[in-house]
N, C-alpha and C. Protein backbone atom coordinates (compact mmCIF):
# COMPACT_ATOMS: atom_id res chain seq x y z
N UNK A 1 -58.88 41.23 -3.22
CA UNK A 1 -59.82 41.82 -2.28
C UNK A 1 -59.77 43.35 -2.31
N UNK A 2 -58.56 43.88 -2.39
CA UNK A 2 -58.42 45.33 -2.39
C UNK A 2 -59.04 45.92 -3.66
N UNK A 3 -58.82 45.28 -4.79
CA UNK A 3 -59.39 45.76 -6.05
C UNK A 3 -60.91 45.71 -6.01
N UNK A 4 -61.45 44.64 -5.43
CA UNK A 4 -62.91 44.51 -5.33
C UNK A 4 -63.50 45.58 -4.42
N UNK A 5 -62.84 45.86 -3.31
CA UNK A 5 -63.33 46.87 -2.39
C UNK A 5 -63.23 48.26 -3.01
N UNK A 6 -62.15 48.52 -3.73
CA UNK A 6 -61.99 49.80 -4.42
C UNK A 6 -63.09 49.98 -5.46
N UNK A 7 -63.40 48.90 -6.17
CA UNK A 7 -64.47 48.95 -7.17
C UNK A 7 -65.81 49.26 -6.52
N UNK A 8 -66.07 48.65 -5.37
CA UNK A 8 -67.33 48.91 -4.67
C UNK A 8 -67.42 50.37 -4.24
N UNK A 9 -66.32 50.92 -3.75
CA UNK A 9 -66.29 52.31 -3.33
C UNK A 9 -66.55 53.24 -4.52
N UNK A 10 -65.94 52.94 -5.64
CA UNK A 10 -66.12 53.76 -6.85
C UNK A 10 -67.57 53.74 -7.31
N UNK A 11 -68.16 52.56 -7.35
CA UNK A 11 -69.54 52.44 -7.82
C UNK A 11 -70.53 53.04 -6.84
N UNK A 12 -70.36 52.76 -5.55
CA UNK A 12 -71.33 53.18 -4.54
C UNK A 12 -71.21 54.65 -4.16
N UNK A 13 -70.00 55.19 -4.22
CA UNK A 13 -69.79 56.56 -3.73
C UNK A 13 -69.39 57.55 -4.82
N UNK A 14 -69.26 57.08 -6.04
CA UNK A 14 -69.00 57.99 -7.14
C UNK A 14 -67.61 58.60 -7.16
N UNK A 15 -66.65 57.95 -6.51
CA UNK A 15 -65.27 58.44 -6.53
C UNK A 15 -64.65 58.12 -7.88
N UNK A 16 -64.14 59.14 -8.56
CA UNK A 16 -63.58 58.94 -9.90
C UNK A 16 -62.07 58.72 -9.88
N UNK A 17 -61.42 59.12 -8.79
CA UNK A 17 -59.97 59.00 -8.68
C UNK A 17 -59.64 57.59 -8.17
N UNK A 18 -59.05 56.78 -9.03
CA UNK A 18 -58.76 55.39 -8.67
C UNK A 18 -57.80 55.30 -7.50
N UNK A 19 -56.83 56.17 -7.43
CA UNK A 19 -55.85 56.12 -6.34
C UNK A 19 -56.53 56.39 -5.00
N UNK A 20 -57.41 57.37 -4.97
CA UNK A 20 -58.15 57.67 -3.74
C UNK A 20 -58.97 56.46 -3.33
N UNK A 21 -59.61 55.82 -4.30
CA UNK A 21 -60.43 54.64 -4.01
C UNK A 21 -59.58 53.50 -3.46
N UNK A 22 -58.38 53.33 -4.02
CA UNK A 22 -57.49 52.26 -3.56
C UNK A 22 -57.04 52.51 -2.12
N UNK A 23 -56.74 53.75 -1.80
CA UNK A 23 -56.30 54.09 -0.44
C UNK A 23 -57.44 53.87 0.56
N UNK A 24 -58.65 54.30 0.18
CA UNK A 24 -59.81 54.10 1.06
C UNK A 24 -60.09 52.61 1.26
N UNK A 25 -59.94 51.85 0.18
CA UNK A 25 -60.17 50.41 0.28
C UNK A 25 -59.15 49.76 1.21
N UNK A 26 -57.90 50.16 1.10
CA UNK A 26 -56.86 49.61 1.97
C UNK A 26 -57.15 49.94 3.43
N UNK A 27 -57.60 51.16 3.69
CA UNK A 27 -57.92 51.57 5.06
C UNK A 27 -59.07 50.73 5.62
N UNK A 28 -60.09 50.50 4.81
CA UNK A 28 -61.24 49.72 5.27
C UNK A 28 -60.89 48.26 5.52
N UNK A 29 -59.92 47.77 4.76
CA UNK A 29 -59.51 46.37 4.93
C UNK A 29 -58.38 46.22 5.95
N UNK A 30 -57.94 47.34 6.50
CA UNK A 30 -56.86 47.30 7.49
C UNK A 30 -55.52 46.95 6.89
N UNK A 31 -55.31 47.32 5.62
CA UNK A 31 -54.06 47.02 4.94
C UNK A 31 -53.21 48.27 4.82
N UNK A 32 -51.92 48.09 4.67
CA UNK A 32 -51.03 49.23 4.49
C UNK A 32 -50.98 49.64 3.03
N UNK A 33 -50.79 50.91 2.78
CA UNK A 33 -50.67 51.41 1.41
C UNK A 33 -49.21 51.51 0.98
N UNK A 34 -48.30 51.05 1.85
CA UNK A 34 -46.87 51.11 1.52
C UNK A 34 -46.47 50.07 0.49
N UNK A 35 -47.23 48.98 0.45
CA UNK A 35 -46.90 47.93 -0.50
C UNK A 35 -47.46 48.22 -1.87
N UNK A 36 -47.50 47.20 -2.69
CA UNK A 36 -47.99 47.35 -4.06
C UNK A 36 -49.51 47.38 -4.09
N UNK A 37 -50.06 48.43 -4.68
CA UNK A 37 -51.51 48.54 -4.83
C UNK A 37 -51.92 47.99 -6.20
N UNK A 38 -53.17 47.58 -6.34
CA UNK A 38 -53.62 47.09 -7.65
C UNK A 38 -53.45 48.15 -8.73
N UNK A 39 -53.17 47.73 -9.93
CA UNK A 39 -53.07 48.67 -11.05
C UNK A 39 -54.47 49.16 -11.42
N UNK A 40 -54.51 50.30 -12.09
CA UNK A 40 -55.79 50.87 -12.49
C UNK A 40 -56.58 49.92 -13.39
N UNK A 41 -55.88 49.18 -14.25
CA UNK A 41 -56.55 48.23 -15.13
C UNK A 41 -57.24 47.13 -14.32
N UNK A 42 -56.63 46.73 -13.19
CA UNK A 42 -57.25 45.73 -12.31
C UNK A 42 -58.51 46.30 -11.66
N UNK A 43 -58.46 47.58 -11.30
CA UNK A 43 -59.62 48.22 -10.70
C UNK A 43 -60.76 48.28 -11.71
N UNK A 44 -60.44 48.63 -12.95
CA UNK A 44 -61.48 48.71 -13.98
C UNK A 44 -62.13 47.34 -14.21
N UNK A 45 -61.32 46.28 -14.21
CA UNK A 45 -61.89 44.93 -14.37
C UNK A 45 -62.79 44.60 -13.19
N UNK A 46 -62.36 44.99 -12.00
CA UNK A 46 -63.16 44.72 -10.80
C UNK A 46 -64.48 45.49 -10.84
N UNK A 47 -64.46 46.71 -11.38
CA UNK A 47 -65.69 47.49 -11.53
C UNK A 47 -66.65 46.77 -12.47
N UNK A 48 -66.12 46.30 -13.59
CA UNK A 48 -66.94 45.58 -14.55
C UNK A 48 -67.56 44.33 -13.92
N UNK A 49 -66.77 43.58 -13.15
CA UNK A 49 -67.27 42.38 -12.49
C UNK A 49 -68.32 42.72 -11.44
N UNK A 50 -68.09 43.82 -10.70
CA UNK A 50 -69.03 44.24 -9.67
C UNK A 50 -70.37 44.61 -10.29
N UNK A 51 -70.34 45.34 -11.38
CA UNK A 51 -71.58 45.77 -12.03
C UNK A 51 -72.33 44.59 -12.63
N UNK A 52 -71.60 43.64 -13.19
CA UNK A 52 -72.24 42.46 -13.76
C UNK A 52 -72.83 41.57 -12.67
N UNK A 53 -72.15 41.51 -11.54
CA UNK A 53 -72.61 40.65 -10.45
C UNK A 53 -73.83 41.23 -9.73
N UNK A 54 -73.77 42.53 -9.44
CA UNK A 54 -74.83 43.13 -8.64
C UNK A 54 -75.87 43.89 -9.47
N UNK A 55 -75.52 44.24 -10.71
CA UNK A 55 -76.46 44.98 -11.53
C UNK A 55 -77.23 44.11 -12.50
N UNK A 56 -76.50 43.26 -13.21
CA UNK A 56 -77.06 42.35 -14.19
C UNK A 56 -77.99 43.08 -15.16
N UNK A 57 -79.25 42.68 -15.24
CA UNK A 57 -80.15 43.25 -16.24
C UNK A 57 -80.35 44.75 -16.04
N UNK A 58 -80.41 45.19 -14.79
CA UNK A 58 -80.62 46.62 -14.55
C UNK A 58 -79.44 47.43 -15.06
N UNK A 59 -78.23 46.88 -14.92
CA UNK A 59 -77.05 47.58 -15.42
C UNK A 59 -77.04 47.60 -16.94
N UNK A 60 -77.44 46.52 -17.56
CA UNK A 60 -77.52 46.47 -19.02
C UNK A 60 -78.50 47.52 -19.53
N UNK A 61 -79.66 47.61 -18.88
CA UNK A 61 -80.65 48.61 -19.27
C UNK A 61 -80.12 50.02 -19.07
N UNK A 62 -79.42 50.24 -17.95
CA UNK A 62 -78.86 51.56 -17.67
C UNK A 62 -77.80 51.92 -18.70
N UNK A 63 -76.97 50.96 -19.06
CA UNK A 63 -75.91 51.20 -20.03
C UNK A 63 -76.50 51.54 -21.39
N UNK A 64 -77.55 50.83 -21.76
CA UNK A 64 -78.22 51.13 -23.03
C UNK A 64 -78.78 52.55 -23.02
N UNK A 65 -79.37 52.94 -21.90
CA UNK A 65 -79.92 54.29 -21.78
C UNK A 65 -78.81 55.33 -21.93
N UNK A 66 -77.70 55.13 -21.24
CA UNK A 66 -76.60 56.09 -21.30
C UNK A 66 -76.02 56.18 -22.70
N UNK A 67 -75.93 55.07 -23.39
CA UNK A 67 -75.40 55.09 -24.74
C UNK A 67 -76.36 55.76 -25.72
N UNK A 68 -77.66 55.62 -25.47
CA UNK A 68 -78.63 56.32 -26.31
C UNK A 68 -78.53 57.82 -26.09
N UNK A 69 -78.34 58.22 -24.83
CA UNK A 69 -78.14 59.64 -24.54
C UNK A 69 -76.87 60.14 -25.23
N UNK A 70 -75.81 59.34 -25.14
CA UNK A 70 -74.55 59.70 -25.78
C UNK A 70 -74.73 59.88 -27.28
N UNK A 71 -75.42 58.94 -27.90
CA UNK A 71 -75.63 58.99 -29.34
C UNK A 71 -76.42 60.24 -29.72
N UNK A 72 -77.43 60.57 -28.94
CA UNK A 72 -78.23 61.76 -29.19
C UNK A 72 -77.40 63.03 -29.03
N UNK A 73 -76.58 63.08 -27.98
CA UNK A 73 -75.72 64.25 -27.74
C UNK A 73 -74.68 64.39 -28.85
N UNK A 74 -74.20 63.26 -29.35
CA UNK A 74 -73.23 63.29 -30.44
C UNK A 74 -73.87 63.86 -31.71
N UNK A 75 -75.14 63.51 -31.93
CA UNK A 75 -75.85 64.08 -33.06
C UNK A 75 -76.04 65.57 -32.91
N UNK A 76 -76.29 65.99 -31.69
CA UNK A 76 -76.46 67.41 -31.38
C UNK A 76 -75.20 68.21 -31.71
N UNK A 77 -74.04 67.58 -31.48
CA UNK A 77 -72.75 68.25 -31.67
C UNK A 77 -71.98 67.64 -32.83
N UNK A 78 -72.71 67.17 -33.81
CA UNK A 78 -72.08 66.44 -34.93
C UNK A 78 -71.09 67.28 -35.72
N UNK A 79 -71.24 68.61 -35.71
CA UNK A 79 -70.32 69.46 -36.46
C UNK A 79 -68.91 69.47 -35.87
N UNK A 80 -68.76 68.91 -34.66
CA UNK A 80 -67.45 68.86 -34.00
C UNK A 80 -66.87 67.45 -34.00
N UNK A 81 -67.35 66.60 -34.90
CA UNK A 81 -66.85 65.23 -35.08
C UNK A 81 -66.72 64.49 -33.75
N UNK A 82 -67.79 64.36 -32.98
CA UNK A 82 -67.71 63.80 -31.63
C UNK A 82 -67.27 62.34 -31.58
N UNK A 83 -66.56 62.02 -30.50
CA UNK A 83 -66.17 60.65 -30.19
C UNK A 83 -66.57 60.36 -28.75
N UNK A 84 -67.17 59.20 -28.53
CA UNK A 84 -67.51 58.76 -27.18
C UNK A 84 -66.30 58.08 -26.56
N UNK A 85 -66.01 58.39 -25.29
CA UNK A 85 -64.90 57.78 -24.56
C UNK A 85 -65.38 57.42 -23.15
N UNK A 86 -64.53 56.73 -22.40
CA UNK A 86 -64.79 56.53 -20.98
C UNK A 86 -65.73 55.39 -20.63
N UNK A 87 -66.26 55.40 -19.40
CA UNK A 87 -67.06 54.30 -18.88
C UNK A 87 -68.30 53.95 -19.70
N UNK A 88 -68.99 54.95 -20.27
CA UNK A 88 -70.19 54.66 -21.06
C UNK A 88 -69.82 53.85 -22.29
N UNK A 89 -68.68 54.14 -22.88
CA UNK A 89 -68.21 53.38 -24.03
C UNK A 89 -67.76 51.98 -23.61
N UNK A 90 -66.99 51.89 -22.54
CA UNK A 90 -66.37 50.61 -22.17
C UNK A 90 -67.29 49.68 -21.40
N UNK A 91 -68.44 50.19 -20.96
CA UNK A 91 -69.39 49.33 -20.26
C UNK A 91 -69.24 49.32 -18.75
N UNK A 92 -68.47 50.25 -18.20
CA UNK A 92 -68.27 50.29 -16.75
C UNK A 92 -68.95 51.49 -16.10
N UNK A 93 -69.90 52.11 -16.82
CA UNK A 93 -70.60 53.28 -16.27
C UNK A 93 -71.50 52.87 -15.12
N UNK A 94 -71.62 53.76 -14.13
CA UNK A 94 -72.54 53.55 -13.02
C UNK A 94 -73.41 54.79 -12.87
N UNK A 95 -74.23 54.82 -11.84
CA UNK A 95 -75.19 55.92 -11.66
C UNK A 95 -74.51 57.27 -11.48
N UNK A 96 -73.23 57.28 -11.14
CA UNK A 96 -72.50 58.53 -10.94
C UNK A 96 -71.72 58.97 -12.17
N UNK A 97 -71.76 58.18 -13.23
CA UNK A 97 -70.97 58.46 -14.42
C UNK A 97 -71.61 59.53 -15.30
N UNK A 98 -70.76 60.26 -16.00
CA UNK A 98 -71.21 61.20 -17.01
C UNK A 98 -70.94 60.60 -18.38
N UNK A 99 -71.61 61.13 -19.39
CA UNK A 99 -71.27 60.80 -20.78
C UNK A 99 -70.06 61.65 -21.16
N UNK A 100 -68.97 61.01 -21.51
CA UNK A 100 -67.74 61.72 -21.85
C UNK A 100 -67.53 61.74 -23.36
N UNK A 101 -67.45 62.96 -23.91
CA UNK A 101 -67.24 63.12 -25.34
C UNK A 101 -65.94 63.86 -25.61
N UNK A 102 -65.28 63.52 -26.70
CA UNK A 102 -64.17 64.32 -27.22
C UNK A 102 -64.69 65.02 -28.47
N UNK A 103 -64.52 66.34 -28.51
CA UNK A 103 -64.91 67.13 -29.67
C UNK A 103 -63.66 67.75 -30.29
N UNK A 104 -63.77 68.18 -31.54
CA UNK A 104 -62.62 68.70 -32.25
C UNK A 104 -62.99 70.01 -32.95
N UNK A 105 -62.26 71.07 -32.61
CA UNK A 105 -62.57 72.40 -33.14
C UNK A 105 -61.32 73.27 -33.13
N UNK A 106 -61.31 74.28 -34.00
CA UNK A 106 -60.19 75.22 -34.02
C UNK A 106 -60.15 76.05 -32.75
N UNK A 107 -61.33 76.34 -32.20
CA UNK A 107 -61.42 77.14 -30.99
C UNK A 107 -62.48 76.53 -30.07
N UNK A 108 -62.12 76.31 -28.81
CA UNK A 108 -63.07 75.73 -27.86
C UNK A 108 -64.31 76.59 -27.71
N UNK A 109 -64.16 77.91 -27.89
CA UNK A 109 -65.28 78.82 -27.72
C UNK A 109 -66.42 78.51 -28.69
N UNK A 110 -66.09 77.92 -29.83
CA UNK A 110 -67.14 77.61 -30.80
C UNK A 110 -68.10 76.55 -30.27
N UNK A 111 -67.59 75.65 -29.42
CA UNK A 111 -68.45 74.66 -28.79
C UNK A 111 -69.37 75.34 -27.78
N UNK A 112 -68.81 76.26 -27.00
CA UNK A 112 -69.61 77.01 -26.04
C UNK A 112 -70.72 77.79 -26.75
N UNK A 113 -70.38 78.42 -27.86
CA UNK A 113 -71.36 79.19 -28.62
C UNK A 113 -72.47 78.29 -29.15
N UNK A 114 -72.10 77.09 -29.60
CA UNK A 114 -73.10 76.15 -30.11
C UNK A 114 -74.06 75.72 -29.00
N UNK A 115 -73.54 75.46 -27.81
CA UNK A 115 -74.39 75.08 -26.69
C UNK A 115 -75.37 76.20 -26.34
N UNK A 116 -74.89 77.43 -26.36
CA UNK A 116 -75.76 78.58 -26.08
C UNK A 116 -76.85 78.68 -27.14
N UNK A 117 -76.48 78.49 -28.42
CA UNK A 117 -77.46 78.53 -29.51
C UNK A 117 -78.54 77.49 -29.32
N UNK A 118 -78.14 76.33 -28.79
CA UNK A 118 -79.10 75.24 -28.58
C UNK A 118 -79.89 75.39 -27.29
N UNK A 119 -79.51 76.37 -26.48
CA UNK A 119 -80.25 76.63 -25.24
C UNK A 119 -79.79 75.84 -24.04
N UNK A 120 -78.54 75.37 -24.06
CA UNK A 120 -78.02 74.59 -22.94
C UNK A 120 -77.04 75.42 -22.11
N UNK A 121 -77.31 75.51 -20.82
CA UNK A 121 -76.36 76.15 -19.92
C UNK A 121 -75.20 75.19 -19.69
N UNK A 122 -74.00 75.71 -19.57
CA UNK A 122 -72.84 74.85 -19.41
C UNK A 122 -71.93 75.38 -18.30
N UNK A 123 -71.08 74.49 -17.81
CA UNK A 123 -70.08 74.85 -16.82
C UNK A 123 -68.71 74.48 -17.41
N UNK A 124 -67.84 75.47 -17.58
CA UNK A 124 -66.53 75.17 -18.17
C UNK A 124 -65.63 74.43 -17.20
N UNK A 125 -64.71 73.65 -17.73
CA UNK A 125 -63.71 72.96 -16.90
C UNK A 125 -62.45 72.80 -17.74
N UNK A 126 -61.40 72.37 -17.10
CA UNK A 126 -60.15 72.05 -17.79
C UNK A 126 -59.73 70.64 -17.42
N UNK A 127 -59.18 69.94 -18.38
CA UNK A 127 -58.74 68.57 -18.15
C UNK A 127 -57.35 68.40 -18.74
N UNK A 128 -56.52 67.64 -18.05
CA UNK A 128 -55.14 67.44 -18.49
C UNK A 128 -54.95 66.01 -19.01
N UNK A 129 -54.36 65.92 -20.19
CA UNK A 129 -54.10 64.62 -20.81
C UNK A 129 -52.68 64.59 -21.37
N UNK A 130 -52.08 63.41 -21.30
CA UNK A 130 -50.82 63.19 -22.01
C UNK A 130 -51.16 62.73 -23.41
N UNK A 131 -50.48 63.29 -24.38
CA UNK A 131 -50.72 62.92 -25.77
C UNK A 131 -49.76 61.82 -26.22
N UNK A 132 -48.61 61.74 -25.57
CA UNK A 132 -47.64 60.70 -25.92
C UNK A 132 -47.18 60.00 -24.65
N UNK A 133 -46.71 58.76 -24.83
CA UNK A 133 -46.22 57.98 -23.69
C UNK A 133 -44.75 58.27 -23.42
N UNK A 134 -44.29 57.84 -22.28
CA UNK A 134 -42.89 58.03 -21.92
C UNK A 134 -42.76 58.91 -20.70
N UNK A 135 -41.66 58.73 -19.99
CA UNK A 135 -41.45 59.49 -18.76
C UNK A 135 -41.34 60.99 -19.00
N UNK A 136 -40.85 61.37 -20.17
CA UNK A 136 -40.67 62.79 -20.45
C UNK A 136 -41.93 63.48 -20.93
N UNK A 137 -43.00 62.73 -21.17
CA UNK A 137 -44.23 63.32 -21.69
C UNK A 137 -44.91 64.15 -20.61
N UNK A 138 -45.29 65.35 -20.96
CA UNK A 138 -45.98 66.23 -20.01
C UNK A 138 -47.42 66.39 -20.45
N UNK A 139 -48.35 66.49 -19.49
CA UNK A 139 -49.76 66.64 -19.85
C UNK A 139 -50.06 67.99 -20.49
N UNK A 140 -50.97 67.99 -21.41
CA UNK A 140 -51.50 69.22 -21.99
C UNK A 140 -52.87 69.50 -21.40
N UNK A 141 -53.23 70.76 -21.34
CA UNK A 141 -54.51 71.16 -20.78
C UNK A 141 -55.51 71.45 -21.89
N UNK A 142 -56.72 70.92 -21.74
CA UNK A 142 -57.76 71.11 -22.74
C UNK A 142 -59.03 71.64 -22.07
N UNK A 143 -59.70 72.54 -22.76
CA UNK A 143 -60.94 73.10 -22.24
C UNK A 143 -62.09 72.12 -22.45
N UNK A 144 -63.06 72.19 -21.57
CA UNK A 144 -64.23 71.34 -21.71
C UNK A 144 -65.47 72.04 -21.18
N UNK A 145 -66.62 71.46 -21.50
CA UNK A 145 -67.89 72.05 -21.09
C UNK A 145 -68.82 70.94 -20.58
N UNK A 146 -69.35 71.15 -19.39
CA UNK A 146 -70.26 70.18 -18.79
C UNK A 146 -71.67 70.74 -18.85
N UNK A 147 -72.60 69.94 -19.33
CA UNK A 147 -73.99 70.40 -19.41
C UNK A 147 -74.94 69.22 -19.19
N UNK A 148 -76.16 69.54 -18.81
CA UNK A 148 -77.17 68.52 -18.57
C UNK A 148 -77.96 68.27 -19.84
N UNK A 149 -78.11 66.99 -20.18
CA UNK A 149 -78.81 66.63 -21.40
C UNK A 149 -79.62 65.36 -21.15
N UNK A 150 -80.91 65.45 -21.32
CA UNK A 150 -81.80 64.32 -21.09
C UNK A 150 -81.57 63.70 -19.70
N UNK A 151 -81.53 64.57 -18.70
CA UNK A 151 -81.37 64.17 -17.29
C UNK A 151 -80.03 63.47 -17.03
N UNK A 152 -79.04 63.74 -17.85
CA UNK A 152 -77.72 63.12 -17.72
C UNK A 152 -76.65 64.18 -17.88
N UNK A 153 -75.56 64.04 -17.14
CA UNK A 153 -74.43 64.97 -17.30
C UNK A 153 -73.59 64.56 -18.50
N UNK A 154 -73.28 65.53 -19.33
CA UNK A 154 -72.41 65.31 -20.47
C UNK A 154 -71.18 66.18 -20.29
N UNK A 155 -70.00 65.58 -20.42
CA UNK A 155 -68.75 66.32 -20.33
C UNK A 155 -68.07 66.25 -21.70
N UNK A 156 -67.97 67.41 -22.34
CA UNK A 156 -67.40 67.49 -23.68
C UNK A 156 -66.06 68.20 -23.64
N UNK A 157 -64.99 67.47 -23.85
CA UNK A 157 -63.64 68.03 -23.85
C UNK A 157 -63.24 68.35 -25.29
N UNK A 158 -62.68 69.53 -25.50
CA UNK A 158 -62.39 69.99 -26.86
C UNK A 158 -60.90 69.89 -27.17
N UNK A 159 -60.60 69.21 -28.27
CA UNK A 159 -59.24 69.04 -28.77
C UNK A 159 -59.08 69.81 -30.08
N UNK A 160 -57.84 70.13 -30.48
CA UNK A 160 -57.64 70.73 -31.80
C UNK A 160 -58.16 69.79 -32.89
N UNK A 161 -58.44 70.34 -34.06
CA UNK A 161 -58.99 69.53 -35.15
C UNK A 161 -58.08 68.34 -35.47
N UNK A 162 -56.77 68.54 -35.48
CA UNK A 162 -55.87 67.43 -35.80
C UNK A 162 -55.69 66.46 -34.64
N UNK A 163 -56.30 66.77 -33.49
CA UNK A 163 -56.23 65.87 -32.33
C UNK A 163 -57.02 64.59 -32.54
N UNK A 164 -57.81 64.56 -33.59
CA UNK A 164 -58.58 63.35 -33.88
C UNK A 164 -57.68 62.21 -34.35
N UNK A 165 -56.48 62.57 -34.79
CA UNK A 165 -55.55 61.56 -35.31
C UNK A 165 -54.87 60.77 -34.21
N UNK A 166 -54.75 61.35 -33.03
CA UNK A 166 -54.02 60.68 -31.94
C UNK A 166 -54.77 60.86 -30.63
N UNK A 167 -55.31 59.79 -30.12
CA UNK A 167 -56.04 59.84 -28.86
C UNK A 167 -55.08 60.07 -27.69
N UNK A 168 -55.52 60.77 -26.66
CA UNK A 168 -54.66 60.95 -25.49
C UNK A 168 -54.44 59.64 -24.76
N UNK A 169 -53.47 59.64 -23.88
CA UNK A 169 -53.12 58.42 -23.15
C UNK A 169 -54.10 58.19 -22.00
N UNK A 170 -54.59 56.98 -21.92
CA UNK A 170 -55.53 56.64 -20.85
C UNK A 170 -54.80 56.50 -19.51
N UNK A 171 -55.35 57.09 -18.44
CA UNK A 171 -54.75 56.92 -17.12
C UNK A 171 -55.00 55.52 -16.55
N UNK A 172 -55.85 54.76 -17.23
CA UNK A 172 -56.19 53.42 -16.76
C UNK A 172 -55.11 52.41 -17.14
N UNK A 173 -54.76 52.37 -18.42
CA UNK A 173 -53.81 51.35 -18.87
C UNK A 173 -52.59 51.90 -19.59
N UNK A 174 -52.48 53.24 -19.69
CA UNK A 174 -51.31 53.83 -20.33
C UNK A 174 -51.29 53.71 -21.84
N UNK A 175 -52.39 53.28 -22.43
CA UNK A 175 -52.50 53.16 -23.89
C UNK A 175 -53.36 54.30 -24.43
N UNK A 176 -53.33 54.55 -25.75
CA UNK A 176 -54.23 55.56 -26.30
C UNK A 176 -55.68 55.24 -25.96
N UNK A 177 -56.43 56.25 -25.56
CA UNK A 177 -57.81 56.05 -25.14
C UNK A 177 -58.65 55.50 -26.29
N UNK A 178 -59.56 54.62 -25.96
CA UNK A 178 -60.50 54.12 -26.94
C UNK A 178 -61.53 55.21 -27.24
N UNK A 179 -61.79 55.42 -28.50
CA UNK A 179 -62.79 56.39 -28.94
C UNK A 179 -63.75 55.71 -29.92
N UNK A 180 -64.99 56.15 -29.95
CA UNK A 180 -65.95 55.60 -30.90
C UNK A 180 -66.77 56.72 -31.52
N UNK A 181 -66.93 56.65 -32.83
CA UNK A 181 -67.72 57.65 -33.52
C UNK A 181 -69.20 57.28 -33.48
N UNK A 182 -70.04 58.07 -34.14
CA UNK A 182 -71.48 57.83 -34.12
C UNK A 182 -71.83 56.45 -34.65
N UNK A 183 -71.17 56.05 -35.74
CA UNK A 183 -71.45 54.74 -36.33
C UNK A 183 -71.11 53.62 -35.36
N UNK A 184 -69.98 53.73 -34.67
CA UNK A 184 -69.55 52.69 -33.74
C UNK A 184 -70.48 52.61 -32.54
N UNK A 185 -70.93 53.76 -32.03
CA UNK A 185 -71.84 53.75 -30.88
C UNK A 185 -73.18 53.14 -31.29
N UNK A 186 -73.65 53.45 -32.49
CA UNK A 186 -74.89 52.85 -32.98
C UNK A 186 -74.77 51.34 -33.04
N UNK A 187 -73.62 50.86 -33.53
CA UNK A 187 -73.40 49.42 -33.62
C UNK A 187 -73.32 48.80 -32.23
N UNK A 188 -72.72 49.53 -31.30
CA UNK A 188 -72.56 49.03 -29.94
C UNK A 188 -73.92 48.85 -29.26
N UNK A 189 -74.87 49.70 -29.57
CA UNK A 189 -76.20 49.59 -28.99
C UNK A 189 -76.91 48.31 -29.42
N UNK A 190 -76.46 47.75 -30.53
CA UNK A 190 -77.07 46.52 -31.03
C UNK A 190 -76.41 45.27 -30.48
N UNK A 191 -75.28 45.44 -29.79
CA UNK A 191 -74.58 44.28 -29.24
C UNK A 191 -75.30 43.73 -28.03
N UNK A 192 -75.26 42.42 -27.88
CA UNK A 192 -75.94 41.76 -26.76
C UNK A 192 -75.17 41.92 -25.46
N UNK A 193 -73.83 41.77 -25.51
CA UNK A 193 -73.05 41.79 -24.28
C UNK A 193 -72.80 43.20 -23.76
N UNK A 194 -72.90 44.19 -24.63
CA UNK A 194 -72.75 45.58 -24.19
C UNK A 194 -71.34 46.03 -23.91
N UNK A 195 -70.34 45.16 -24.12
CA UNK A 195 -68.97 45.53 -23.82
C UNK A 195 -68.24 45.97 -25.08
N UNK A 196 -67.42 46.98 -24.93
CA UNK A 196 -66.65 47.52 -26.06
C UNK A 196 -65.26 46.91 -26.02
N UNK A 197 -64.79 46.45 -27.17
CA UNK A 197 -63.45 45.86 -27.24
C UNK A 197 -62.66 46.53 -28.36
N UNK A 198 -61.34 46.47 -28.25
CA UNK A 198 -60.48 47.00 -29.31
C UNK A 198 -60.81 46.32 -30.63
N UNK A 199 -60.81 47.12 -31.68
CA UNK A 199 -61.02 46.56 -33.00
C UNK A 199 -62.48 46.33 -33.36
N UNK A 200 -63.44 46.85 -32.56
CA UNK A 200 -64.84 46.69 -32.89
C UNK A 200 -65.13 47.32 -34.24
N UNK A 201 -65.98 46.69 -35.00
CA UNK A 201 -66.31 47.21 -36.32
C UNK A 201 -66.95 48.58 -36.17
N UNK A 202 -66.48 49.51 -36.97
CA UNK A 202 -67.05 50.84 -36.94
C UNK A 202 -66.30 51.78 -36.02
N UNK A 203 -65.34 51.30 -35.27
CA UNK A 203 -64.58 52.16 -34.38
C UNK A 203 -63.71 53.11 -35.17
N UNK A 204 -63.60 54.35 -34.70
CA UNK A 204 -62.71 55.33 -35.30
C UNK A 204 -61.88 55.94 -34.19
N UNK A 205 -60.63 56.25 -34.49
CA UNK A 205 -59.77 56.86 -33.49
C UNK A 205 -60.07 58.32 -33.38
């Protein structure tokens, strides 16, 4: 019940922080947060179930639209070897989701310069990711740029060129984040179920 309520809060109110959503869900259900809360992976499954239950065809159409936007944006930034990550890739995107891309460049400023050349205004941000697992692993900070593209928010986080070899650790399940290149996203658009799974043909790390 708590996972389902947290999922509803995330989808309906656009809260991206799973812990905040879990605490709000516990408060609404009159439960204490001192005990064991659902894991992030359970919340993500509940989000997927919520979207399939209440969205159905409309969610499928929305997901296809977001992935088409992602594919187009990846083509726009193809010189930075883009990879799609996050809810749009995994099929859990909602109306509050952005298209999340990982780009790879020697200098983050080159991405900013490319956006300016293309005529897109951007807002810089910083994001912290762990590159390796383990208690001693500390997050690294990476620059990113948020811009509007085809009426959709795109968040492009820039990693070093060799960062393409090792995906950062997902805060959802503690495993390396799933990434998909242009070929994999194109193939995903042709899938009937719309869900991304490990080992999909065409996937690149």
